[in-house]
Amino acid sequence: MARKPANVSTPAPRPAPVLDARKAAILDAVVNEHIDTAQPVGSGSVAANHSVAVSPATVRSEMVALEREGMLTQPHTSAGRIPTDRGYRYFVDHLQRGVLQPAQQAEIGQFFSSVRGELEDVLEQTSALLSRLTKYTSVVVGPSHARATVRSAQIVDFGARRILVVGVLSDGAVEKRTIDLDEDVSPLDVSEASVQLQALLVGASLDQRIELPSRQTAVAQLVRIGAGALMTGSTSVDGDRVFIGGSSKIAESFDAVDTVRSVLGILEQELVVVTLMQDIMDQGLSVAIGSEHGYQSLSACAVVVAPVNIDGVQAGAVGLLGPTRMNYREALAAAHMVSQHLTDRLESNEASRG
């Protein structure tokens, strides 16, 4: 996966203070209610919470203290309070990962047991699944082709001086190139070239130097064309495959048009999205909140990430992007479960094609 451009800095999260049990319970109550309602939370509502067994006056006093600590803020003088990015960070750092509802778990299991098709199709459908489960925008980053080898290669004669070169890779991807020729070729030459291309490329990686036939025959020329199309024509050899699901959820998550526009602008830049997710994981985080990730355009957002591994090596990631008041417990559980299933799927593909 890509690395962060040098002109983007990521500040380390500011260490949160240690809260006593009462303040922690009050903060927890405020965060949970604000996530549910998107409204400022008053002391009376917090006092009614079964986990906060103190009077409204005591809650007000503790909320003032939490505001001094930078955990809460009061958007209006007469309003209740909402969590700050720092308050969310404390909440997430002390959050026990939730468990998805049985119906959600069953949906994920059924999806991965039944989904078929090329790897790109699986990754795209996975991003749609994750967004559907959580109601947030999802990002799935698949493994690049850099580590893939050619499992099969063939040339198909389309006639009218046109051929199709098809390569099936060890990671499950299928590369296809339609090529227009300058001269007529016979079906027999195409068939023989396909056999030679298969023998030449199977087992080779896409960035490997291949010794091509130098003979000036129609078959040799077709082999050179086919190998060149597959070995140098892949757009994903050095890059990551990025699939974004539920972009429309952004408009549902934010009231400000400018915020929606800036977030959608980031999502259109695949390199930035991949770099953002990788940098969060490089910091050892599974959640970046507000300005923690260093992207001003996403300062109103939280990003949840979970790695996807092949044989213990990171080969991709799944993530969720939503407002800072996102349901972190559900988002973390969904990202973790989907990443585990996707890891199992990719490792199974590797084993079956090894």
Protein backbone atom coordinates (compact mmCIF):
# COMPACT_ATOMS: atom_id res chain seq x y z
CA MET A 1 0.00 0.00 0.00
CA ALA A 2 1.09 3.58 -0.64
CA ARG A 3 2.85 5.87 1.76
CA LYS A 4 1.83 9.37 2.88
CA PRO A 5 3.01 12.26 0.67
CA ALA A 6 5.72 14.32 2.36
CA ASN A 7 3.54 17.46 2.47
CA VAL A 8 0.91 15.88 4.73
CA SER A 9 1.71 15.73 8.41
CA THR A 10 -0.06 13.59 10.94
CA PRO A 11 0.00 14.87 14.51
CA ALA A 12 0.21 12.26 17.21
CA PRO A 13 -3.00 12.04 19.23
CA ARG A 14 -2.78 14.22 22.35
CA PRO A 15 -2.54 12.00 25.44
CA ALA A 16 -5.84 11.93 27.30
CA PRO A 17 -5.97 12.39 31.06
CA VAL A 18 -6.89 9.53 33.33
CA LEU A 19 -10.51 10.00 34.36
CA ASP A 20 -12.02 8.71 37.56
CA ALA A 21 -14.89 6.24 37.27
CA ARG A 22 -17.63 8.88 37.60
CA LYS A 23 -16.25 11.23 34.96
CA ALA A 24 -15.61 8.27 32.66
CA ALA A 25 -19.21 7.09 33.07
CA ILE A 26 -20.56 10.58 32.38
CA LEU A 27 -18.38 10.97 29.28
CA ASP A 28 -19.49 7.54 28.08
CA ALA A 29 -23.13 8.51 28.54
CA VAL A 30 -22.67 11.79 26.65
CA VAL A 31 -20.87 10.11 23.75
CA ASN A 32 -23.42 7.32 23.39
CA GLU A 33 -26.40 9.68 23.50
CA HIS A 34 -24.82 12.12 21.06
CA ILE A 35 -24.07 9.26 18.64
CA ASP A 36 -27.73 8.23 18.83
CA THR A 37 -29.33 11.68 18.61
CA ALA A 38 -26.75 14.01 17.01
CA GLN A 39 -27.95 16.61 19.57
CA PRO A 40 -26.20 18.29 22.52
CA VAL A 41 -26.65 16.26 25.70
CA GLY A 42 -27.96 17.85 28.89
CA SER A 43 -27.15 16.97 32.49
CA GLY A 44 -30.70 15.76 33.19
CA SER A 45 -30.50 13.22 30.41
CA VAL A 46 -27.13 11.97 31.66
CA ALA A 47 -28.38 11.74 35.25
CA ALA A 48 -31.24 9.54 34.04
CA ASN A 49 -28.73 7.09 32.60
CA HIS A 50 -28.65 3.91 34.66
CA SER A 51 -24.83 3.87 34.65
CA VAL A 52 -24.58 7.37 36.20
CA ALA A 53 -25.99 7.17 39.73
CA VAL A 54 -25.64 10.84 40.74
CA SER A 55 -27.83 13.94 40.76
CA PRO A 56 -28.19 16.34 37.80
CA ALA A 57 -26.29 18.99 39.80
CA THR A 58 -23.34 16.64 40.25
CA VAL A 59 -23.48 15.74 36.55
CA ARG A 60 -23.40 19.45 35.63
CA SER A 61 -20.34 19.96 37.82
CA GLU A 62 -18.55 16.97 36.31
CA MET A 63 -19.46 18.05 32.78
CA VAL A 64 -17.87 21.43 33.46
CA ALA A 65 -14.75 19.62 34.62
CA LEU A 66 -14.77 17.46 31.47
CA GLU A 67 -15.08 20.63 29.42
CA ARG A 68 -11.98 22.03 31.14
CA GLU A 69 -10.19 18.79 30.29
CA GLY A 70 -11.05 19.33 26.63
CA MET A 71 -13.32 16.28 26.48
CA LEU A 72 -16.62 18.09 26.03
CA THR A 73 -17.67 21.38 24.50
CA GLN A 74 -20.82 23.49 24.69
CA PRO A 75 -21.92 24.60 21.19
CA HIS A 76 -24.39 27.15 22.59
CA THR A 77 -24.62 28.87 25.97
CA SER A 78 -27.97 27.34 26.88
CA ALA A 79 -27.38 24.00 25.17
CA GLY A 80 -26.06 20.76 26.48
CA ARG A 81 -22.62 19.48 25.58
CA ILE A 82 -21.13 17.36 22.82
CA PRO A 83 -17.90 15.36 22.77
CA THR A 84 -14.73 16.84 21.30
CA ASP A 85 -12.28 14.83 19.23
CA ARG A 86 -10.34 14.31 22.45
CA GLY A 87 -13.44 13.03 24.19
CA TYR A 88 -14.10 10.60 21.37
CA ARG A 89 -10.48 9.45 21.56
CA TYR A 90 -10.82 8.65 25.27
CA PHE A 91 -14.10 6.85 24.55
CA VAL A 92 -12.54 4.75 21.75
CA ASP A 93 -9.37 3.96 23.70
CA HIS A 94 -11.46 2.55 26.55
CA LEU A 95 -14.04 0.89 24.34
CA GLN A 96 -14.45 -2.85 24.32
CA ARG A 97 -14.96 -4.06 20.78
CA GLY A 98 -18.61 -4.75 20.16
CA VAL A 99 -20.16 -7.80 18.59
CA LEU A 100 -22.35 -7.58 15.54
CA GLN A 101 -25.95 -8.70 15.71
CA PRO A 102 -26.48 -12.37 14.76
CA ALA A 103 -28.26 -11.30 11.56
CA GLN A 104 -25.27 -9.15 10.55
CA GLN A 105 -22.82 -11.94 11.31
CA ALA A 106 -24.91 -14.34 9.27
CA GLU A 107 -25.04 -11.89 6.35
CA ILE A 108 -21.25 -11.59 6.30
CA GLY A 109 -20.75 -15.35 6.53
CA GLN A 110 -23.28 -16.05 3.79
CA PHE A 111 -21.74 -13.39 1.55
CA PHE A 112 -18.23 -14.83 1.70
CA SER A 113 -19.44 -18.41 1.31
CA SER A 114 -21.39 -17.58 -1.84
CA VAL A 115 -19.62 -14.67 -3.58
CA ARG A 116 -18.03 -15.65 -6.87
CA GLY A 117 -16.21 -13.95 -9.72
CA GLU A 118 -12.92 -12.26 -10.37
CA LEU A 119 -11.05 -10.74 -7.44
CA GLU A 120 -11.98 -7.20 -8.43
CA ASP A 121 -15.66 -8.17 -8.38
CA VAL A 122 -15.29 -9.73 -4.92
CA LEU A 123 -13.56 -6.63 -3.55
CA GLU A 124 -16.17 -4.31 -5.04
CA GLN A 125 -19.02 -6.38 -3.61
CA THR A 126 -17.24 -6.48 -0.24
CA SER A 127 -17.15 -2.68 -0.12
CA ALA A 128 -20.89 -2.58 -0.86
CA LEU A 129 -21.55 -5.16 1.88
CA LEU A 130 -19.58 -3.21 4.51
CA SER A 131 -21.36 0.04 3.68
CA ARG A 132 -24.74 -1.66 3.76
CA LEU A 133 -24.06 -3.18 7.18
CA THR A 134 -22.87 0.03 8.84
CA LYS A 135 -24.55 2.83 6.84
CA TYR A 136 -21.13 4.47 6.44
CA THR A 137 -18.90 4.92 3.41
CA SER A 138 -16.59 1.95 3.05
CA VAL A 139 -13.15 1.53 1.50
CA VAL A 140 -11.63 -1.79 0.49
CA VAL A 141 -8.01 -1.82 -0.65
CA GLY A 142 -7.04 -5.02 -2.43
CA PRO A 143 -3.55 -6.43 -2.88
CA SER A 144 -1.49 -5.06 -5.74
CA HIS A 145 -0.42 -7.39 -8.52
CA ALA A 146 3.25 -6.97 -7.56
CA ARG A 147 3.36 -10.32 -5.77
CA ALA A 148 1.12 -12.15 -8.24
CA THR A 149 2.34 -14.69 -10.77
CA VAL A 150 0.75 -15.79 -14.02
CA ARG A 151 -1.39 -18.88 -13.60
CA SER A 152 -2.54 -19.12 -17.20
CA ALA A 153 -2.19 -17.09 -20.41
CA GLN A 154 -3.87 -17.40 -23.75
CA ILE A 155 -4.57 -15.59 -26.99
CA VAL A 156 -8.06 -15.69 -28.51
CA ASP A 157 -8.66 -14.98 -32.20
CA PHE A 158 -11.47 -12.47 -32.75
CA GLY A 159 -10.93 -12.28 -36.49
CA ALA A 160 -10.70 -9.04 -38.51
CA ARG A 161 -7.11 -8.54 -37.34
CA ARG A 162 -8.14 -8.49 -33.67
CA ILE A 163 -7.02 -10.71 -30.78
CA LEU A 164 -7.79 -10.92 -27.07
CA VAL A 165 -4.94 -11.64 -24.63
CA VAL A 166 -6.12 -13.09 -21.30
CA GLY A 167 -4.01 -13.72 -18.20
CA VAL A 168 -5.23 -15.30 -14.98
CA LEU A 169 -3.08 -14.36 -11.98
CA SER A 170 -2.34 -16.21 -8.78
CA ASP A 171 -4.26 -13.62 -6.72
CA GLY A 172 -7.45 -14.37 -8.65
CA ALA A 173 -7.32 -11.32 -10.91
CA VAL A 174 -7.94 -11.61 -14.64
CA GLU A 175 -6.10 -9.28 -17.02
CA LYS A 176 -7.62 -8.80 -20.49
CA ARG A 177 -6.24 -6.85 -23.44
CA THR A 178 -7.89 -6.45 -26.84
CA ILE A 179 -5.29 -5.73 -29.53
CA ASP A 180 -5.72 -4.65 -33.14
CA LEU A 181 -3.10 -6.13 -35.48
CA ASP A 182 -1.51 -4.54 -38.53
CA GLU A 183 -1.69 -7.72 -40.59
CA ASP A 184 -3.91 -10.76 -41.03
CA VAL A 185 -3.03 -13.84 -38.96
CA SER A 186 -4.27 -17.38 -39.36
CA PRO A 187 -6.25 -19.17 -36.62
CA LEU A 188 -3.52 -21.82 -36.52
CA ASP A 189 -0.84 -19.20 -35.83
CA VAL A 190 -2.96 -17.73 -33.04
CA SER A 191 -3.50 -21.17 -31.54
CA GLU A 192 0.22 -22.02 -31.62
CA ALA A 193 1.14 -18.61 -30.20
CA SER A 194 -1.31 -19.16 -27.33
CA VAL A 195 0.38 -22.47 -26.46
CA GLN A 196 3.83 -20.84 -26.51
CA LEU A 197 2.66 -17.86 -24.45
CA GLN A 198 1.27 -20.21 -21.80
CA ALA A 199 4.57 -22.08 -21.58
CA LEU A 200 6.54 -18.84 -21.46
CA LEU A 201 4.61 -16.94 -18.79
CA VAL A 202 3.12 -19.43 -16.33
CA GLY A 203 4.85 -19.02 -12.97
CA ALA A 204 6.39 -15.66 -13.88
CA SER A 205 5.60 -12.48 -11.92
CA LEU A 206 4.24 -9.48 -13.79
CA ASP A 207 7.39 -7.41 -13.26
CA GLN A 208 9.78 -10.20 -14.20
CA ARG A 209 12.00 -9.87 -17.28
CA ILE A 210 11.05 -12.53 -19.81
CA GLU A 211 13.26 -13.68 -22.66
CA LEU A 212 11.01 -13.38 -25.70
CA PRO A 213 11.40 -15.23 -29.01
CA SER A 214 13.40 -13.21 -31.53
CA ARG A 215 12.32 -15.07 -34.66
CA GLN A 216 10.56 -13.02 -37.31
CA THR A 217 7.57 -15.31 -37.72
CA ALA A 218 3.88 -14.62 -37.28
CA VAL A 219 3.72 -16.92 -34.24
CA ALA A 220 6.75 -15.34 -32.56
CA GLN A 221 5.36 -11.87 -33.19
CA LEU A 222 2.04 -12.85 -31.61
CA VAL A 223 3.88 -14.23 -28.57
CA ARG A 224 5.78 -10.96 -28.19
CA ILE A 225 2.57 -8.95 -28.48
CA GLY A 226 0.78 -11.14 -25.94
CA ALA A 227 3.60 -11.08 -23.41
CA GLY A 228 3.98 -7.33 -23.75
CA ALA A 229 0.27 -6.78 -23.21
CA LEU A 230 0.20 -8.81 -20.00
CA MET A 231 3.60 -8.08 -18.49
CA THR A 232 3.71 -4.33 -19.11
CA GLY A 233 0.04 -3.52 -19.64
CA SER A 234 -1.23 -4.17 -16.15
CA THR A 235 -2.25 -0.92 -14.52
CA SER A 236 -2.19 -2.51 -11.07
CA VAL A 237 1.30 -3.99 -10.89
CA ASP A 238 2.68 -1.22 -8.68
CA GLY A 239 -0.56 0.23 -7.32
CA ASP A 240 -3.41 -0.73 -5.06
CA ARG A 241 -6.92 -1.56 -6.12
CA VAL A 242 -9.37 0.68 -4.29
CA PHE A 243 -13.11 0.09 -4.07
CA ILE A 244 -15.37 2.62 -2.35
CA GLY A 245 -18.90 1.71 -1.35
CA GLY A 246 -21.72 3.96 -0.21
CA SER A 247 -20.32 7.36 -1.22
CA SER A 248 -23.88 8.66 -0.98
CA LYS A 249 -23.75 8.03 2.78
CA ILE A 250 -21.54 11.12 3.08
CA ALA A 251 -24.44 13.40 2.20
CA GLU A 252 -26.55 11.69 4.86
CA SER A 253 -23.86 12.07 7.54
CA PHE A 254 -23.12 15.79 7.31
CA ASP A 255 -25.38 18.84 7.20
CA ALA A 256 -22.81 21.25 5.76
CA VAL A 257 -22.60 21.17 1.97
CA ASP A 258 -18.96 22.28 2.06
CA THR A 259 -18.07 19.32 4.28
CA VAL A 260 -19.83 16.89 1.96
CA ARG A 261 -18.05 18.37 -1.04
CA SER A 262 -14.59 18.23 0.56
CA VAL A 263 -15.02 14.64 1.77
CA LEU A 264 -16.25 13.48 -1.63
CA GLY A 265 -13.27 15.25 -3.19
CA ILE A 266 -10.91 13.20 -1.04
CA LEU A 267 -12.69 9.95 -1.92
CA GLU A 268 -12.12 10.65 -5.61
CA GLN A 269 -8.34 10.58 -5.01
CA GLU A 270 -7.51 6.90 -4.65
CA LEU A 271 -3.86 7.46 -3.72
CA VAL A 272 -4.85 9.80 -0.89
CA VAL A 273 -7.42 7.31 0.42
CA VAL A 274 -4.92 4.44 0.42
CA THR A 275 -2.22 6.61 2.00
CA LEU A 276 -4.63 7.79 4.71
CA MET A 277 -5.53 4.24 5.70
CA GLN A 278 -1.93 3.04 5.64
CA ASP A 279 -0.74 5.92 7.78
CA ILE A 280 -3.40 5.24 10.41
CA MET A 281 -2.24 1.62 10.63
CA ASP A 282 1.41 2.70 10.68
CA GLN A 283 0.62 4.66 13.86
CA GLY A 284 -0.72 1.47 15.42
CA LEU A 285 -4.27 2.82 15.40
CA SER A 286 -7.52 1.28 14.26
CA VAL A 287 -9.40 4.59 14.49
CA ALA A 288 -8.38 8.14 13.56
CA ILE A 289 -10.68 10.90 14.80
CA GLY A 290 -11.02 14.42 13.47
CA SER A 291 -7.66 16.09 12.90
CA GLU A 292 -5.61 13.09 14.08
CA HIS A 293 -5.00 11.89 10.54
CA GLY A 294 -3.69 15.27 9.35
CA TYR A 295 -6.14 15.83 6.47
CA GLN A 296 -7.97 19.10 6.99
CA SER A 297 -10.68 18.14 4.49
CA LEU A 298 -11.58 15.21 6.76
CA SER A 299 -11.46 17.07 10.08
CA ALA A 300 -15.16 16.35 10.68
CA CYS A 301 -14.67 12.64 10.02
CA ALA A 302 -13.57 9.51 11.80
CA VAL A 303 -11.85 6.68 9.93
CA VAL A 304 -11.91 3.05 11.11
CA VAL A 305 -9.42 0.63 9.52
CA ALA A 306 -8.55 -3.06 9.74
CA PRO A 307 -5.70 -4.75 7.84
CA VAL A 308 -6.09 -7.58 5.35
CA ASN A 309 -3.21 -10.03 5.42
CA ILE A 310 -1.86 -12.83 3.25
CA ASP A 311 0.40 -15.27 5.10
CA GLY A 312 0.92 -12.72 7.88
CA VAL A 313 1.94 -9.92 5.51
CA GLN A 314 -0.32 -6.91 5.06
CA ALA A 315 -1.74 -6.95 1.55
CA GLY A 316 -4.67 -4.57 1.84
CA ALA A 317 -7.19 -3.09 4.23
CA VAL A 318 -10.84 -2.40 4.83
CA GLY A 319 -12.08 0.85 6.29
CA LEU A 320 -15.10 2.95 7.16
CA LEU A 321 -15.43 6.71 6.95
CA GLY A 322 -18.15 8.62 8.75
CA PRO A 323 -18.79 11.54 11.10
CA THR A 324 -16.86 11.74 14.37
CA ARG A 325 -20.09 10.72 16.12
CA MET A 326 -20.07 7.37 14.31
CA ASN A 327 -21.07 4.19 16.10
CA TYR A 328 -17.50 3.10 16.87
CA ARG A 329 -18.45 -0.15 18.56
CA GLU A 330 -20.38 -1.43 15.54
CA ALA A 331 -17.96 0.04 12.99
CA LEU A 332 -14.93 -1.62 14.60
CA ALA A 333 -16.73 -4.95 14.89
CA ALA A 334 -17.87 -4.86 11.24
CA ALA A 335 -14.47 -3.81 9.87
CA HIS A 336 -12.71 -6.49 11.92
CA MET A 337 -15.08 -9.29 10.89
CA VAL A 338 -15.03 -8.38 7.19
CA SER A 339 -11.22 -8.06 7.20
CA GLN A 340 -10.91 -11.51 8.75
CA HIS A 341 -13.21 -13.08 6.17
CA LEU A 342 -11.41 -11.29 3.34
CA THR A 343 -8.04 -12.42 4.71
CA ASP A 344 -9.30 -16.02 4.80
CA ARG A 345 -10.59 -15.68 1.23
CA LEU A 346 -7.32 -14.30 -0.14
CA GLU A 347 -5.19 -16.88 1.70
CA SER A 348 -7.45 -19.63 0.39
CA ASN A 349 -7.00 -18.28 -3.13
CA GLU A 350 -3.23 -18.24 -2.67
CA ALA A 351 -3.22 -21.81 -1.38
CA SER A 352 -5.39 -23.15 -4.20
CA ARG A 353 -3.25 -21.46 -6.82
CA GLY A 354 0.09 -22.19 -5.22
